[in-house]
């Protein structure tokens, strides 16, 4: 599972998944998959999310240490 704060940031900003998807140019299902940790977004999408929320990419996506 990929850890991220996309859902927290989206809700904090009062956005629906659809509104966020439209704002960064992806489909709503992409936002759903990212929020649920089912997929890791393309680098371009990750940067768009960070830029949209005015955060560093490291504040949005948490690197999981492999054991």
Protein backbone atom coordinates (compact mmCIF):
# COMPACT_ATOMS: atom_id res chain seq x y z
CA UNK A 1 0.00 0.00 0.00
CA UNK A 2 1.30 3.45 -0.92
CA UNK A 3 0.91 5.96 1.89
CA UNK A 4 -0.12 9.53 1.13
CA UNK A 5 -2.04 12.51 2.50
CA UNK A 6 -4.06 13.26 -0.64
CA UNK A 7 -7.43 12.53 0.99
CA UNK A 8 -6.61 14.63 4.06
CA UNK A 9 -5.51 17.58 1.91
CA UNK A 10 -8.51 17.24 -0.40
CA UNK A 11 -11.02 17.22 2.45
CA UNK A 12 -9.20 20.05 4.26
CA UNK A 13 -9.57 22.13 1.09
CA UNK A 14 -13.27 21.25 0.75
CA UNK A 15 -12.91 19.43 -2.56
CA UNK A 16 -14.64 16.39 -3.98
CA UNK A 17 -12.56 13.77 -5.75
CA UNK A 18 -14.04 14.99 -9.01
CA UNK A 19 -13.11 18.60 -8.38
CA UNK A 20 -9.53 17.68 -7.51
CA UNK A 21 -9.27 15.41 -10.54
CA UNK A 22 -10.49 18.17 -12.83
CA UNK A 23 -8.12 20.71 -11.27
CA UNK A 24 -5.04 18.58 -11.97
CA UNK A 25 -6.19 16.98 -15.22
CA UNK A 26 -6.85 13.36 -14.29
CA UNK A 27 -9.99 11.24 -13.98
CA UNK A 28 -11.79 10.86 -10.64
CA UNK A 29 -10.94 7.15 -10.46
CA UNK A 30 -7.24 8.09 -10.42
CA UNK A 31 -7.79 10.19 -7.29
CA UNK A 32 -9.74 7.33 -5.70
CA UNK A 33 -6.94 4.84 -6.42
CA UNK A 34 -4.26 7.21 -5.12
CA UNK A 35 -6.19 7.99 -1.92
CA UNK A 36 -6.77 4.30 -1.21
CA UNK A 37 -3.10 3.54 -1.79
CA UNK A 38 -3.99 1.14 -4.60
CA UNK A 39 -1.56 2.80 -6.98
CA UNK A 40 1.39 5.14 -6.98
CA UNK A 41 0.73 8.08 -9.31
CA UNK A 42 2.95 9.00 -12.20
CA UNK A 43 5.61 11.51 -11.20
CA UNK A 44 3.88 14.23 -13.21
CA UNK A 45 0.62 13.65 -11.31
CA UNK A 46 2.42 13.59 -7.96
CA UNK A 47 4.02 16.96 -8.72
CA UNK A 48 0.67 18.41 -9.84
CA UNK A 49 -0.92 17.32 -6.56
CA UNK A 50 1.90 18.82 -4.51
CA UNK A 51 1.75 22.07 -6.48
CA UNK A 52 -2.04 22.25 -6.19
CA UNK A 53 -1.90 21.85 -2.40
CA UNK A 54 1.15 24.19 -2.18
CA UNK A 55 3.19 21.52 -0.42
CA UNK A 56 6.41 19.65 -1.00
CA UNK A 57 5.96 16.30 -2.69
CA UNK A 58 7.43 14.67 0.46
CA UNK A 59 4.53 16.15 2.46
CA UNK A 60 2.01 14.40 0.20
CA UNK A 61 3.67 11.03 -0.41
CA UNK A 62 5.32 8.96 2.35
CA UNK A 63 8.12 6.63 1.38
CA UNK A 64 7.72 3.23 2.99
CA UNK A 65 10.97 1.68 4.19
CA UNK A 66 11.50 -1.87 3.00
CA UNK A 67 12.60 -4.30 5.68
